[in-house]
Amino acid sequence: MTELSPAAQAVIDTWWNASDGKYINGVWTPNRSAQLAAALRAAADQLKYKLLDVEVVDCSQLLLLADELEAQ
């Protein structure tokens, strides 16, 4: 397996560390929507950068998707 870039590693780490969920019949069941929302936010954070205090990459759609997933 090839090593991930720091940006990709940040997204995957965020996915795995989003531990929102509940026990169902004694088995921990993660909230996949919350995990995906966290990963989208991490991806948006990795994509955006500023040039002279102006955000160059518009990540608003990713953040809107994350909001919608979290609202479920």
N, C-alpha and C. Protein backbone atom coordinates (compact mmCIF):
# COMPACT_ATOMS: atom_id res chain seq x y z
N MET A 1 0.85 -1.18 0.00
CA MET A 1 0.00 0.00 0.00
C MET A 1 0.89 1.24 0.00
N THR A 2 0.56 2.20 -0.85
CA THR A 2 1.36 3.41 -0.92
C THR A 2 1.01 4.35 0.23
N GLU A 3 1.96 5.16 0.59
CA GLU A 3 1.75 6.13 1.68
C GLU A 3 0.88 7.27 1.17
N LEU A 4 -0.04 7.70 2.01
CA LEU A 4 -0.95 8.80 1.65
C LEU A 4 -0.26 10.15 1.83
N SER A 5 -0.73 11.12 1.08
CA SER A 5 -0.26 12.49 1.27
C SER A 5 -0.78 12.97 2.63
N PRO A 6 -0.16 13.99 3.21
CA PRO A 6 -0.67 14.51 4.49
C PRO A 6 -2.13 14.95 4.41
N ALA A 7 -2.54 15.53 3.28
CA ALA A 7 -3.93 15.97 3.14
C ALA A 7 -4.88 14.77 3.14
N ALA A 8 -4.55 13.74 2.37
CA ALA A 8 -5.40 12.54 2.32
C ALA A 8 -5.41 11.84 3.67
N GLN A 9 -4.27 11.80 4.35
CA GLN A 9 -4.21 11.16 5.66
C GLN A 9 -5.07 11.91 6.68
N ALA A 10 -5.11 13.23 6.59
CA ALA A 10 -5.94 14.03 7.49
C ALA A 10 -7.42 13.70 7.30
N VAL A 11 -7.83 13.50 6.05
CA VAL A 11 -9.23 13.18 5.78
C VAL A 11 -9.57 11.78 6.31
N ILE A 12 -8.72 10.80 6.04
CA ILE A 12 -9.01 9.44 6.48
C ILE A 12 -8.96 9.33 8.01
N ASP A 13 -8.03 10.04 8.63
CA ASP A 13 -7.97 10.04 10.10
C ASP A 13 -9.24 10.63 10.70
N THR A 14 -9.74 11.69 10.08
CA THR A 14 -10.96 12.32 10.57
C THR A 14 -12.14 11.35 10.44
N TRP A 15 -12.20 10.63 9.33
CA TRP A 15 -13.26 9.63 9.14
C TRP A 15 -13.24 8.60 10.26
N TRP A 16 -12.06 8.03 10.53
CA TRP A 16 -11.96 6.97 11.53
C TRP A 16 -12.17 7.48 12.95
N ASN A 17 -11.81 8.74 13.20
CA ASN A 17 -11.94 9.29 14.55
C ASN A 17 -13.32 9.87 14.85
N ALA A 18 -14.17 9.95 13.85
CA ALA A 18 -15.54 10.43 14.08
C ALA A 18 -16.32 9.26 14.67
N SER A 19 -16.36 9.20 15.98
CA SER A 19 -16.90 8.01 16.65
C SER A 19 -18.36 8.14 17.03
N ASP A 20 -19.06 9.07 16.41
CA ASP A 20 -20.47 9.25 16.70
C ASP A 20 -21.23 7.97 16.31
N GLY A 21 -22.01 7.46 17.22
CA GLY A 21 -22.77 6.25 16.94
C GLY A 21 -23.53 5.80 18.16
N LYS A 22 -23.97 4.54 18.16
CA LYS A 22 -24.69 4.01 19.31
C LYS A 22 -24.58 2.49 19.31
N TYR A 23 -24.88 1.92 20.47
CA TYR A 23 -24.90 0.47 20.59
C TYR A 23 -26.26 -0.05 20.14
N ILE A 24 -26.25 -1.01 19.24
CA ILE A 24 -27.46 -1.68 18.79
C ILE A 24 -27.26 -3.16 19.03
N ASN A 25 -28.08 -3.73 19.91
CA ASN A 25 -27.96 -5.14 20.28
C ASN A 25 -26.55 -5.48 20.76
N GLY A 26 -25.96 -4.57 21.51
CA GLY A 26 -24.64 -4.79 22.10
C GLY A 26 -23.47 -4.59 21.15
N VAL A 27 -23.73 -4.12 19.94
CA VAL A 27 -22.68 -3.90 18.95
C VAL A 27 -22.60 -2.41 18.64
N TRP A 28 -21.38 -1.84 18.74
CA TRP A 28 -21.20 -0.43 18.41
C TRP A 28 -21.45 -0.23 16.92
N THR A 29 -22.39 0.64 16.61
CA THR A 29 -22.73 0.94 15.23
C THR A 29 -22.43 2.41 14.97
N PRO A 30 -21.38 2.68 14.18
CA PRO A 30 -21.03 4.07 13.92
C PRO A 30 -22.08 4.77 13.07
N ASN A 31 -22.17 6.07 13.24
CA ASN A 31 -23.06 6.89 12.44
C ASN A 31 -22.29 7.26 11.17
N ARG A 32 -22.56 6.56 10.09
CA ARG A 32 -21.81 6.77 8.85
C ARG A 32 -22.03 8.17 8.29
N SER A 33 -23.22 8.73 8.49
CA SER A 33 -23.47 10.10 8.01
C SER A 33 -22.57 11.08 8.73
N ALA A 34 -22.41 10.90 10.05
CA ALA A 34 -21.53 11.80 10.82
C ALA A 34 -20.08 11.62 10.40
N GLN A 35 -19.68 10.37 10.13
CA GLN A 35 -18.31 10.13 9.69
C GLN A 35 -18.06 10.79 8.34
N LEU A 36 -19.01 10.65 7.43
CA LEU A 36 -18.86 11.26 6.10
C LEU A 36 -18.84 12.78 6.21
N ALA A 37 -19.70 13.34 7.05
CA ALA A 37 -19.71 14.79 7.24
C ALA A 37 -18.37 15.28 7.77
N ALA A 38 -17.82 14.56 8.73
CA ALA A 38 -16.51 14.95 9.29
C ALA A 38 -15.43 14.87 8.22
N ALA A 39 -15.47 13.83 7.39
CA ALA A 39 -14.48 13.69 6.33
C ALA A 39 -14.62 14.80 5.28
N LEU A 40 -15.87 15.17 4.96
CA LEU A 40 -16.07 16.27 4.01
C LEU A 40 -15.52 17.59 4.55
N ARG A 41 -15.74 17.82 5.84
CA ARG A 41 -15.20 19.04 6.46
C ARG A 41 -13.67 19.03 6.44
N ALA A 42 -13.09 17.87 6.71
CA ALA A 42 -11.62 17.76 6.67
C ALA A 42 -11.10 17.96 5.25
N ALA A 43 -11.81 17.42 4.26
CA ALA A 43 -11.40 17.61 2.87
C ALA A 43 -11.48 19.08 2.48
N ALA A 44 -12.55 19.75 2.89
CA ALA A 44 -12.69 21.18 2.60
C ALA A 44 -11.56 21.96 3.25
N ASP A 45 -11.21 21.58 4.47
CA ASP A 45 -10.13 22.25 5.17
C ASP A 45 -8.79 22.05 4.45
N GLN A 46 -8.59 20.87 3.89
CA GLN A 46 -7.34 20.58 3.17
C GLN A 46 -7.29 21.28 1.81
N LEU A 47 -8.46 21.49 1.20
CA LEU A 47 -8.50 22.09 -0.14
C LEU A 47 -8.36 23.60 -0.13
N LYS A 48 -8.91 24.23 0.88
CA LYS A 48 -8.91 25.69 0.87
C LYS A 48 -7.53 26.24 1.26
N TYR A 49 -7.20 27.28 0.68
CA TYR A 49 -6.00 28.00 1.05
C TYR A 49 -6.24 29.47 0.72
N LYS A 50 -5.47 30.29 1.31
CA LYS A 50 -5.69 31.73 1.12
C LYS A 50 -4.51 32.34 0.40
N LEU A 51 -4.83 33.27 -0.45
CA LEU A 51 -3.83 34.04 -1.17
C LEU A 51 -4.17 35.50 -0.93
N LEU A 52 -3.34 36.17 -0.18
CA LEU A 52 -3.58 37.56 0.18
C LEU A 52 -4.95 37.73 0.86
N ASP A 53 -5.24 36.84 1.81
CA ASP A 53 -6.47 36.87 2.61
C ASP A 53 -7.76 36.64 1.80
N VAL A 54 -7.64 36.08 0.61
CA VAL A 54 -8.81 35.74 -0.18
C VAL A 54 -8.82 34.22 -0.35
N GLU A 55 -9.96 33.59 -0.01
CA GLU A 55 -10.05 32.15 -0.16
C GLU A 55 -10.09 31.81 -1.64
N VAL A 56 -9.13 30.99 -2.08
CA VAL A 56 -8.97 30.69 -3.50
C VAL A 56 -9.90 29.56 -3.95
N VAL A 57 -10.09 28.56 -3.12
CA VAL A 57 -10.95 27.43 -3.46
C VAL A 57 -12.25 27.54 -2.68
N ASP A 58 -13.37 27.53 -3.38
CA ASP A 58 -14.68 27.63 -2.74
C ASP A 58 -15.13 26.23 -2.31
N CYS A 59 -15.17 26.01 -1.03
CA CYS A 59 -15.56 24.71 -0.47
C CYS A 59 -16.96 24.75 0.12
N SER A 60 -17.73 25.77 -0.21
CA SER A 60 -19.04 25.93 0.41
C SER A 60 -19.98 24.76 0.12
N GLN A 61 -19.91 24.17 -1.07
CA GLN A 61 -20.78 23.05 -1.38
C GLN A 61 -20.44 21.81 -0.54
N LEU A 62 -19.16 21.58 -0.32
CA LEU A 62 -18.77 20.47 0.56
C LEU A 62 -19.30 20.68 1.97
N LEU A 63 -19.20 21.91 2.45
CA LEU A 63 -19.67 22.22 3.80
C LEU A 63 -21.19 22.13 3.90
N LEU A 64 -21.91 22.51 2.84
CA LEU A 64 -23.36 22.35 2.82
C LEU A 64 -23.76 20.88 2.88
N LEU A 65 -23.02 20.03 2.15
CA LEU A 65 -23.28 18.59 2.20
C LEU A 65 -23.04 18.06 3.61
N ALA A 66 -21.97 18.50 4.24
CA ALA A 66 -21.68 18.07 5.60
C ALA A 66 -22.80 18.49 6.55
N ASP A 67 -23.29 19.72 6.41
CA ASP A 67 -24.40 20.20 7.24
C ASP A 67 -25.63 19.31 7.08
N GLU A 68 -25.93 18.97 5.82
CA GLU A 68 -27.11 18.15 5.54
C GLU A 68 -26.96 16.75 6.15
N LEU A 69 -25.79 16.17 6.03
CA LEU A 69 -25.56 14.84 6.60
C LEU A 69 -25.66 14.85 8.12
N GLU A 70 -25.13 15.90 8.74
CA GLU A 70 -25.19 16.00 10.19
C GLU A 70 -26.61 16.22 10.70
N ALA A 71 -27.46 16.79 9.88
CA ALA A 71 -28.83 17.08 10.30
C ALA A 71 -29.72 15.83 10.33
N GLN A 72 -29.25 14.75 9.74
CA GLN A 72 -30.05 13.52 9.72
C GLN A 72 -30.21 12.95 11.10
